[in-house]
Amino acid sequence: MPSLFRVGALVRSTNKNAVGDNAYVEAKDADDAKLKGRKKLQKKHPHGNVEVTKVEVKREGDLPKQGPRW
């Protein structure tokens, strides 16, 4: 199971005030979560410029399976 991340971002627009917003995404690591979260927020705010400010882990994923130790 991949980890769950909360991506916090600042959405700026030319004709509206800046707004903070969050997105929850499942990803392998923080870099992947940053990309997925930005894409998700850009769909939600199509006319704004999304600037990711914070990525934090909300749920740790499973550890990778290890092979037999013999």
PDB file of N, CA and C in Angstrom:
ATOM      1  N   MET A   1       0.854  -1.166   0.000  1.00  0.00           N
ATOM      2  CA  MET A   1       0.000   0.000   0.000  1.00  0.00           C
ATOM      3  C   MET A   1       0.909   1.241   0.000  1.00  0.00           C
ATOM      4  N   PRO A   2       0.645   2.196  -0.904  1.00  0.00           N
ATOM      5  CA  PRO A   2       1.472   3.409  -0.914  1.00  0.00           C
ATOM      6  C   PRO A   2       1.153   4.319   0.266  1.00  0.00           C
ATOM      7  N   SER A   3       2.051   5.236   0.538  1.00  0.00           N
ATOM      8  CA  SER A   3       1.860   6.182   1.635  1.00  0.00           C
ATOM      9  C   SER A   3       0.841   7.243   1.247  1.00  0.00           C
ATOM     10  N   LEU A   4       0.190   7.813   2.263  1.00  0.00           N
ATOM     11  CA  LEU A   4      -0.762   8.902   2.044  1.00  0.00           C
ATOM     12  C   LEU A   4      -0.087  10.212   2.448  1.00  0.00           C
ATOM     13  N   PHE A   5      -0.112  11.188   1.547  1.00  0.00           N
ATOM     14  CA  PHE A   5       0.519  12.482   1.783  1.00  0.00           C
ATOM     15  C   PHE A   5      -0.519  13.587   1.742  1.00  0.00           C
ATOM     16  N   ARG A   6      -0.268  14.638   2.543  1.00  0.00           N
ATOM     17  CA  ARG A   6      -1.066  15.861   2.451  1.00  0.00           C
ATOM     18  C   ARG A   6      -0.184  16.904   1.789  1.00  0.00           C
ATOM     19  N   VAL A   7      -0.683  17.435   0.674  1.00  0.00           N
ATOM     20  CA  VAL A   7       0.052  18.442  -0.073  1.00  0.00           C
ATOM     21  C   VAL A   7      -0.636  19.784   0.160  1.00  0.00           C
ATOM     22  N   GLY A   8       0.083  20.711   0.771  1.00  0.00           N
ATOM     23  CA  GLY A   8      -0.434  22.057   0.998  1.00  0.00           C
ATOM     24  C   GLY A   8       0.099  22.986  -0.079  1.00  0.00           C
ATOM     25  N   ALA A   9      -0.759  23.841  -0.609  1.00  0.00           N
ATOM     26  CA  ALA A   9      -0.331  24.725  -1.688  1.00  0.00           C
ATOM     27  C   ALA A   9      -0.993  26.092  -1.573  1.00  0.00           C
ATOM     28  N   LEU A  10      -0.363  27.052  -2.212  1.00  0.00           N
ATOM     29  CA  LEU A  10      -0.875  28.404  -2.310  1.00  0.00           C
ATOM     30  C   LEU A  10      -1.295  28.616  -3.761  1.00  0.00           C
ATOM     31  N   VAL A  11      -2.562  29.018  -3.958  1.00  0.00           N
ATOM     32  CA  VAL A  11      -3.088  29.225  -5.302  1.00  0.00           C
ATOM     33  C   VAL A  11      -3.220  30.724  -5.533  1.00  0.00           C
ATOM     34  N   ARG A  12      -2.484  31.223  -6.517  1.00  0.00           N
ATOM     35  CA  ARG A  12      -2.518  32.650  -6.838  1.00  0.00           C
ATOM     36  C   ARG A  12      -3.236  32.855  -8.164  1.00  0.00           C
ATOM     37  N   SER A  13      -3.975  33.948  -8.255  1.00  0.00           N
ATOM     38  CA  SER A  13      -4.681  34.297  -9.476  1.00  0.00           C
ATOM     39  C   SER A  13      -4.541  35.795  -9.690  1.00  0.00           C
ATOM     40  N   THR A  14      -4.633  36.249 -10.937  1.00  0.00           N
ATOM     41  CA  THR A  14      -4.443  37.666 -11.223  1.00  0.00           C
ATOM     42  C   THR A  14      -5.617  38.511 -10.743  1.00  0.00           C
ATOM     43  N   ASN A  15      -6.826  37.979 -10.785  1.00  0.00           N
ATOM     44  CA  ASN A  15      -7.993  38.787 -10.429  1.00  0.00           C
ATOM     45  C   ASN A  15      -8.660  38.377  -9.114  1.00  0.00           C
ATOM     46  N   LYS A  16      -8.065  37.451  -8.362  1.00  0.00           N
ATOM     47  CA  LYS A  16      -8.605  37.034  -7.068  1.00  0.00           C
ATOM     48  C   LYS A  16      -7.485  37.022  -6.039  1.00  0.00           C
ATOM     49  N   ASN A  17      -7.865  37.001  -4.778  1.00  0.00           N
ATOM     50  CA  ASN A  17      -6.880  36.905  -3.706  1.00  0.00           C
ATOM     51  C   ASN A  17      -6.246  35.518  -3.686  1.00  0.00           C
ATOM     52  N   ALA A  18      -5.055  35.430  -3.114  1.00  0.00           N
ATOM     53  CA  ALA A  18      -4.381  34.138  -2.968  1.00  0.00           C
ATOM     54  C   ALA A  18      -5.146  33.279  -1.965  1.00  0.00           C
ATOM     55  N   VAL A  19      -5.172  31.986  -2.210  1.00  0.00           N
ATOM     56  CA  VAL A  19      -5.929  31.047  -1.394  1.00  0.00           C
ATOM     57  C   VAL A  19      -5.049  29.847  -1.074  1.00  0.00           C
ATOM     58  N   GLY A  20      -5.113  29.360   0.159  1.00  0.00           N
ATOM     59  CA  GLY A  20      -4.420  28.132   0.530  1.00  0.00           C
ATOM     60  C   GLY A  20      -5.361  26.951   0.371  1.00  0.00           C
ATOM     61  N   ASP A  21      -4.818  25.830  -0.098  1.00  0.00           N
ATOM     62  CA  ASP A  21      -5.653  24.646  -0.295  1.00  0.00           C
ATOM     63  C   ASP A  21      -4.811  23.395  -0.058  1.00  0.00           C
ATOM     64  N   ASN A  22      -5.478  22.283   0.260  1.00  0.00           N
ATOM     65  CA  ASN A  22      -4.818  21.008   0.527  1.00  0.00           C
ATOM     66  C   ASN A  22      -5.368  19.927  -0.382  1.00  0.00           C
ATOM     67  N   ALA A  23      -4.521  18.937  -0.654  1.00  0.00           N
ATOM     68  CA  ALA A  23      -4.947  17.763  -1.400  1.00  0.00           C
ATOM     69  C   ALA A  23      -4.306  16.542  -0.750  1.00  0.00           C
ATOM     70  N   TYR A  24      -5.060  15.473  -0.671  1.00  0.00           N
ATOM     71  CA  TYR A  24      -4.545  14.215  -0.143  1.00  0.00           C
ATOM     72  C   TYR A  24      -4.303  13.274  -1.308  1.00  0.00           C
ATOM     73  N   VAL A  25      -3.082  12.742  -1.409  1.00  0.00           N
ATOM     74  CA  VAL A  25      -2.729  11.852  -2.509  1.00  0.00           C
ATOM     75  C   VAL A  25      -1.948  10.658  -1.979  1.00  0.00           C
ATOM     76  N   GLU A  26      -2.067   9.543  -2.676  1.00  0.00           N
ATOM     77  CA  GLU A  26      -1.270   8.362  -2.365  1.00  0.00           C
ATOM     78  C   GLU A  26      -0.116   8.319  -3.352  1.00  0.00           C
ATOM     79  N   ALA A  27       1.097   8.147  -2.828  1.00  0.00           N
ATOM     80  CA  ALA A  27       2.273   8.146  -3.686  1.00  0.00           C
ATOM     81  C   ALA A  27       3.387   7.321  -3.052  1.00  0.00           C
ATOM     82  N   LYS A  28       4.411   7.029  -3.868  1.00  0.00           N
ATOM     83  CA  LYS A  28       5.544   6.246  -3.386  1.00  0.00           C
ATOM     84  C   LYS A  28       6.461   7.070  -2.491  1.00  0.00           C
ATOM     85  N   ASP A  29       6.712   8.327  -2.892  1.00  0.00           N
ATOM     86  CA  ASP A  29       7.602   9.185  -2.112  1.00  0.00           C
ATOM     87  C   ASP A  29       7.130  10.638  -2.190  1.00  0.00           C
ATOM     88  N   ALA A  30       7.838  11.532  -1.506  1.00  0.00           N
ATOM     89  CA  ALA A  30       7.423  12.926  -1.405  1.00  0.00           C
ATOM     90  C   ALA A  30       7.451  13.649  -2.763  1.00  0.00           C
ATOM     91  N   ASP A  31       8.428  13.341  -3.596  1.00  0.00           N
ATOM     92  CA  ASP A  31       8.502  14.000  -4.913  1.00  0.00           C
ATOM     93  C   ASP A  31       7.309  13.628  -5.783  1.00  0.00           C
ATOM     94  N   ASP A  32       6.958  12.353  -5.766  1.00  0.00           N
ATOM     95  CA  ASP A  32       5.796  11.884  -6.533  1.00  0.00           C
ATOM     96  C   ASP A  32       4.511  12.511  -5.988  1.00  0.00           C
ATOM     97  N   ALA A  33       4.424  12.630  -4.667  1.00  0.00           N
ATOM     98  CA  ALA A  33       3.245  13.239  -4.040  1.00  0.00           C
ATOM     99  C   ALA A  33       3.128  14.710  -4.416  1.00  0.00           C
ATOM    100  N   LYS A  34       4.252  15.398  -4.498  1.00  0.00           N
ATOM    101  CA  LYS A  34       4.250  16.817  -4.863  1.00  0.00           C
ATOM    102  C   LYS A  34       3.680  17.010  -6.267  1.00  0.00           C
ATOM    103  N   LEU A  35       4.095  16.150  -7.199  1.00  0.00           N
ATOM    104  CA  LEU A  35       3.600  16.246  -8.573  1.00  0.00           C
ATOM    105  C   LEU A  35       2.109  15.915  -8.669  1.00  0.00           C
ATOM    106  N   LYS A  36       1.708  14.829  -7.998  1.00  0.00           N
ATOM    107  CA  LYS A  36       0.297  14.426  -8.028  1.00  0.00           C
ATOM    108  C   LYS A  36      -0.598  15.456  -7.364  1.00  0.00           C
ATOM    109  N   GLY A  37      -0.144  15.997  -6.229  1.00  0.00           N
ATOM    110  CA  GLY A  37      -0.928  17.001  -5.511  1.00  0.00           C
ATOM    111  C   GLY A  37      -1.082  18.283  -6.308  1.00  0.00           C
ATOM    112  N   ARG A  38      -0.004  18.708  -6.974  1.00  0.00           N
ATOM    113  CA  ARG A  38      -0.069  19.922  -7.795  1.00  0.00           C
ATOM    114  C   ARG A  38      -1.052  19.734  -8.945  1.00  0.00           C
ATOM    115  N   LYS A  39      -0.997  18.570  -9.562  1.00  0.00           N
ATOM    116  CA  LYS A  39      -1.909  18.278 -10.677  1.00  0.00           C
ATOM    117  C   LYS A  39      -3.365  18.269 -10.209  1.00  0.00           C
ATOM    118  N   LYS A  40      -3.613  17.661  -9.046  1.00  0.00           N
ATOM    119  CA  LYS A  40      -4.968  17.586  -8.496  1.00  0.00           C
ATOM    120  C   LYS A  40      -5.503  18.984  -8.167  1.00  0.00           C
ATOM    121  N   LEU A  41      -4.657  19.833  -7.566  1.00  0.00           N
ATOM    122  CA  LEU A  41      -5.077  21.184  -7.211  1.00  0.00           C
ATOM    123  C   LEU A  41      -5.240  22.068  -8.446  1.00  0.00           C
ATOM    124  N   GLN A  42      -4.426  21.822  -9.480  1.00  0.00           N
ATOM    125  CA  GLN A  42      -4.557  22.613 -10.702  1.00  0.00           C
ATOM    126  C   GLN A  42      -5.883  22.316 -11.401  1.00  0.00           C
ATOM    127  N   LYS A  43      -6.361  21.074 -11.300  1.00  0.00           N
ATOM    128  CA  LYS A  43      -7.678  20.732 -11.855  1.00  0.00           C
ATOM    129  C   LYS A  43      -8.786  21.418 -11.066  1.00  0.00           C
ATOM    130  N   LYS A  44      -8.598  21.544  -9.742  1.00  0.00           N
ATOM    131  CA  LYS A  44      -9.602  22.172  -8.890  1.00  0.00           C
ATOM    132  C   LYS A  44      -9.634  23.691  -9.089  1.00  0.00           C
ATOM    133  N   HIS A  45      -8.479  24.288  -9.355  1.00  0.00           N
ATOM    134  CA  HIS A  45      -8.357  25.743  -9.565  1.00  0.00           C
ATOM    135  C   HIS A  45      -7.731  25.977 -10.940  1.00  0.00           C
ATOM    136  N   PRO A  46      -8.492  25.858 -12.010  1.00  0.00           N
ATOM    137  CA  PRO A  46      -7.898  25.907 -13.350  1.00  0.00           C
ATOM    138  C   PRO A  46      -7.324  27.268 -13.747  1.00  0.00           C
ATOM    139  N   HIS A  47      -7.798  28.352 -13.142  1.00  0.00           N
ATOM    140  CA  HIS A  47      -7.323  29.676 -13.550  1.00  0.00           C
ATOM    141  C   HIS A  47      -6.281  30.242 -12.601  1.00  0.00           C
ATOM    142  N   GLY A  48      -5.799  29.430 -11.686  1.00  0.00           N
ATOM    143  CA  GLY A  48      -4.817  29.906 -10.713  1.00  0.00           C
ATOM    144  C   GLY A  48      -3.453  29.277 -10.944  1.00  0.00           C
ATOM    145  N   ASN A  49      -2.453  29.880 -10.337  1.00  0.00           N
ATOM    146  CA  ASN A  49      -1.094  29.358 -10.388  1.00  0.00           C
ATOM    147  C   ASN A  49      -0.838  28.637  -9.066  1.00  0.00           C
ATOM    148  N   VAL A  50      -0.615  27.328  -9.107  1.00  0.00           N
ATOM    149  CA  VAL A  50      -0.463  26.513  -7.894  1.00  0.00           C
ATOM    150  C   VAL A  50       1.016  26.444  -7.508  1.00  0.00           C
ATOM    151  N   GLU A  51       1.301  26.827  -6.264  1.00  0.00           N
ATOM    152  CA  GLU A  51       2.658  26.789  -5.739  1.00  0.00           C
ATOM    153  C   GLU A  51       2.662  25.902  -4.501  1.00  0.00           C
ATOM    154  N   VAL A  52       3.278  24.726  -4.580  1.00  0.00           N
ATOM    155  CA  VAL A  52       3.293  23.768  -3.472  1.00  0.00           C
ATOM    156  C   VAL A  52       4.203  24.293  -2.361  1.00  0.00           C
ATOM    157  N   THR A  53       3.678  24.336  -1.135  1.00  0.00           N
ATOM    158  CA  THR A  53       4.441  24.864  -0.005  1.00  0.00           C
ATOM    159  C   THR A  53       4.840  23.795   1.002  1.00  0.00           C
ATOM    160  N   LYS A  54       4.038  22.724   1.118  1.00  0.00           N
ATOM    161  CA  LYS A  54       4.317  21.719   2.144  1.00  0.00           C
ATOM    162  C   LYS A  54       3.855  20.344   1.681  1.00  0.00           C
ATOM    163  N   VAL A  55       4.655  19.327   1.972  1.00  0.00           N
ATOM    164  CA  VAL A  55       4.276  17.937   1.734  1.00  0.00           C
ATOM    165  C   VAL A  55       4.560  17.179   3.021  1.00  0.00           C
ATOM    166  N   GLU A  56       3.521  16.597   3.614  1.00  0.00           N
ATOM    167  CA  GLU A  56       3.735  15.837   4.841  1.00  0.00           C
ATOM    168  C   GLU A  56       3.063  14.475   4.759  1.00  0.00           C
ATOM    169  N   VAL A  57       3.656  13.503   5.433  1.00  0.00           N
ATOM    170  CA  VAL A  57       3.158  12.131   5.433  1.00  0.00           C
ATOM    171  C   VAL A  57       2.038  12.011   6.449  1.00  0.00           C
ATOM    172  N   LYS A  58       0.888  11.507   6.031  1.00  0.00           N
ATOM    173  CA  LYS A  58      -0.232  11.277   6.936  1.00  0.00           C
ATOM    174  C   LYS A  58      -0.329   9.803   7.334  1.00  0.00           C
ATOM    175  N   ARG A  59       0.062   8.910   6.432  1.00  0.00           N
ATOM    176  CA  ARG A  59       0.035   7.462   6.727  1.00  0.00           C
ATOM    177  C   ARG A  59       1.224   6.817   6.020  1.00  0.00           C
ATOM    178  N   GLU A  60       2.011   6.092   6.775  1.00  0.00           N
ATOM    179  CA  GLU A  60       3.154   5.394   6.195  1.00  0.00           C
ATOM    180  C   GLU A  60       2.674   4.197   5.376  1.00  0.00           C
ATOM    181  N   GLY A  61       3.337   3.947   4.283  1.00  0.00           N
ATOM    182  CA  GLY A  61       3.009   2.797   3.449  1.00  0.00           C
ATOM    183  C   GLY A  61       3.681   1.542   3.981  1.00  0.00           C
ATOM    184  N   ASP A  62       3.370   0.433   3.350  1.00  0.00           N
ATOM    185  CA  ASP A  62       3.991  -0.836   3.728  1.00  0.00           C
ATOM    186  C   ASP A  62       5.468  -0.826   3.365  1.00  0.00           C
ATOM    187  N   LEU A  63       6.249  -1.544   4.151  1.00  0.00           N
ATOM    188  CA  LEU A  63       7.656  -1.699   3.824  1.00  0.00           C
ATOM    189  C   LEU A  63       7.801  -2.609   2.618  1.00  0.00           C
ATOM    190  N   PRO A  64       8.818  -2.411   1.796  1.00  0.00           N
ATOM    191  CA  PRO A  64       9.001  -3.305   0.653  1.00  0.00           C
ATOM    192  C   PRO A  64       9.255  -4.740   1.120  1.00  0.00           C
ATOM    193  N   LYS A  65       8.703  -5.683   0.398  1.00  0.00           N
ATOM    194  CA  LYS A  65       8.855  -7.081   0.777  1.00  0.00           C
ATOM    195  C   LYS A  65      10.298  -7.513   0.553  1.00  0.00           C
ATOM    196  N   GLN A  66      10.817  -8.261   1.538  1.00  0.00           N
ATOM    197  CA  GLN A  66      12.164  -8.766   1.439  1.00  0.00           C
ATOM    198  C   GLN A  66      12.102 -10.236   1.053  1.00  0.00           C
ATOM    199  N   GLY A  67      13.082 -10.652   0.287  1.00  0.00           N
ATOM    200  CA  GLY A  67      13.138 -12.045  -0.140  1.00  0.00           C
ATOM    201  C   GLY A  67      13.529 -12.968   1.013  1.00  0.00           C
ATOM    202  N   PRO A  68      13.621 -14.246   0.733  1.00  0.00           N
ATOM    203  CA  PRO A  68      14.012 -15.195   1.781  1.00  0.00           C
ATOM    204  C   PRO A  68      15.433 -14.893   2.267  1.00  0.00           C
ATOM    205  N   ARG A  69      15.663 -15.119   3.537  1.00  0.00           N
ATOM    206  CA  ARG A  69      16.951 -14.777   4.130  1.00  0.00           C
ATOM    207  C   ARG A  69      17.864 -16.000   4.254  1.00  0.00           C
ATOM    208  N   TRP A  70      17.793 -16.932   3.339  1.00  0.00           N
ATOM    209  CA  TRP A  70      18.659 -18.103   3.405  1.00  0.00           C
ATOM    210  C   TRP A  70      19.493 -18.247   2.193  1.00  0.00           C
TER     211      TRP A  70
END
